[in-house]
Amino acid sequence: MRWEGFINERAVGADGKSHYMHKRTRSAYFSLRRNMPWLWTWYDHPELHIPNTNNGIEALNSDLKAKPNLHKGITKERRKVFIQDYIKSHKPRK
């Protein structure tokens, strides 16, 4: 409520249409508001052992980018198989 005026601030552009002045701030606010029920799932359910960071998935993504590039001559079909097998056998670090 405190920042409602700022979030809803509008300006008239050269085309005569009204636009929000702080689009990115507005977008971030509504994204947080929309996703709030899921942001603290790891904290509300400790029995699920959900990590509180996304470091594990970032490490997997980093490996998935680097490993296939080591084999430059690999075909698309073999690359797909390689990635699928890598994901299946991936064991996250604790």
Protein backbone atom coordinates (compact mmCIF):
# COMPACT_ATOMS: atom_id res chain seq x y z
CA MET A 1 0.00 0.00 0.00
CA ARG A 2 2.86 2.33 0.83
CA TRP A 3 4.30 2.19 -2.70
CA GLU A 4 1.03 1.73 -4.62
CA GLY A 5 1.19 5.22 -6.10
CA PHE A 6 4.74 4.65 -7.35
CA ILE A 7 3.92 1.22 -8.84
CA ASN A 8 0.85 2.56 -10.64
CA GLU A 9 2.47 5.80 -11.87
CA ARG A 10 1.71 6.41 -15.53
CA ALA A 11 2.92 8.78 -18.23
CA VAL A 12 1.55 9.70 -21.62
CA GLY A 13 3.93 8.84 -24.42
CA ALA A 14 4.48 10.57 -27.76
CA ASP A 15 1.86 8.27 -29.29
CA GLY A 16 -0.75 9.62 -26.87
CA LYS A 17 -1.10 6.31 -25.01
CA SER A 18 -0.65 5.89 -21.28
CA HIS A 19 2.30 3.71 -20.14
CA TYR A 20 3.55 2.61 -16.73
CA MET A 21 6.65 4.60 -15.80
CA HIS A 22 8.37 1.91 -13.72
CA LYS A 23 7.77 -1.24 -15.80
CA ARG A 24 10.61 -3.31 -14.37
CA THR A 25 9.82 -2.44 -10.74
CA ARG A 26 6.16 -3.19 -11.37
CA SER A 27 7.02 -6.50 -13.03
CA ALA A 28 9.33 -7.53 -10.16
CA TYR A 29 6.71 -6.62 -7.56
CA PHE A 30 3.95 -8.63 -9.24
CA SER A 31 6.29 -11.56 -9.83
CA LEU A 32 7.15 -11.68 -6.12
CA ARG A 33 3.51 -11.31 -5.16
CA ARG A 34 2.42 -14.07 -7.55
CA ASN A 35 5.17 -16.53 -6.51
CA MET A 36 5.22 -15.83 -2.76
CA PRO A 37 3.52 -19.13 -1.77
CA TRP A 38 6.38 -21.12 -3.33
CA LEU A 39 9.38 -18.97 -2.36
CA TRP A 40 9.74 -20.44 1.12
CA THR A 41 8.81 -24.08 0.42
CA TRP A 42 12.28 -25.27 1.46
CA TYR A 43 11.85 -23.50 4.82
CA ASP A 44 8.27 -24.62 5.50
CA HIS A 45 8.96 -28.31 4.78
CA PRO A 46 12.37 -29.32 6.15
CA GLU A 47 11.45 -33.02 5.88
CA LEU A 48 11.66 -32.73 2.07
CA HIS A 49 15.38 -31.78 2.24
CA ILE A 50 14.96 -29.13 -0.47
CA PRO A 51 18.11 -27.02 -0.90
CA ASN A 52 17.69 -23.31 -0.23
CA THR A 53 19.79 -22.34 -3.26
CA ASN A 54 19.84 -23.32 -6.91
CA ASN A 55 23.58 -24.07 -6.89
CA GLY A 56 22.99 -27.75 -7.67
CA ILE A 57 21.02 -27.11 -10.83
CA GLU A 58 23.50 -24.41 -11.88
CA ALA A 59 26.36 -26.91 -11.55
CA LEU A 60 24.43 -29.42 -13.66
CA ASN A 61 23.74 -26.78 -16.32
CA SER A 62 27.39 -25.75 -16.36
CA ASP A 63 28.51 -29.37 -16.85
CA LEU A 64 25.90 -29.91 -19.56
CA LYS A 65 27.33 -26.97 -21.48
CA ALA A 66 30.99 -27.95 -21.07
CA LYS A 67 31.02 -31.76 -21.44
CA PRO A 68 29.49 -32.11 -24.94
CA ASN A 69 31.81 -29.38 -26.23
CA LEU A 70 34.80 -31.58 -25.37
CA HIS A 71 33.67 -33.89 -28.16
CA LYS A 72 33.51 -31.51 -31.13
CA GLY A 73 32.82 -34.13 -33.84
CA ILE A 74 29.83 -35.71 -32.09
CA THR A 75 26.60 -35.99 -34.12
CA LYS A 76 23.34 -34.42 -32.93
CA GLU A 77 21.80 -37.81 -32.20
CA ARG A 78 24.81 -38.97 -30.15
CA ARG A 79 24.85 -35.59 -28.35
CA LYS A 80 21.21 -36.11 -27.31
CA VAL A 81 21.99 -39.60 -26.02
CA PHE A 82 25.05 -38.29 -24.17
CA ILE A 83 23.03 -35.54 -22.45
CA GLN A 84 20.17 -37.90 -21.54
CA ASP A 85 22.59 -40.42 -20.04
CA TYR A 86 24.43 -37.69 -18.17
CA ILE A 87 21.21 -36.39 -16.60
CA LYS A 88 20.09 -39.92 -15.65
CA SER A 89 23.40 -40.70 -13.97
CA HIS A 90 23.83 -37.29 -12.31
CA LYS A 91 24.05 -37.48 -8.53
CA PRO A 92 23.91 -34.08 -6.81
CA ARG A 93 26.61 -33.23 -4.30
CA LYS A 94 25.52 -32.84 -0.71
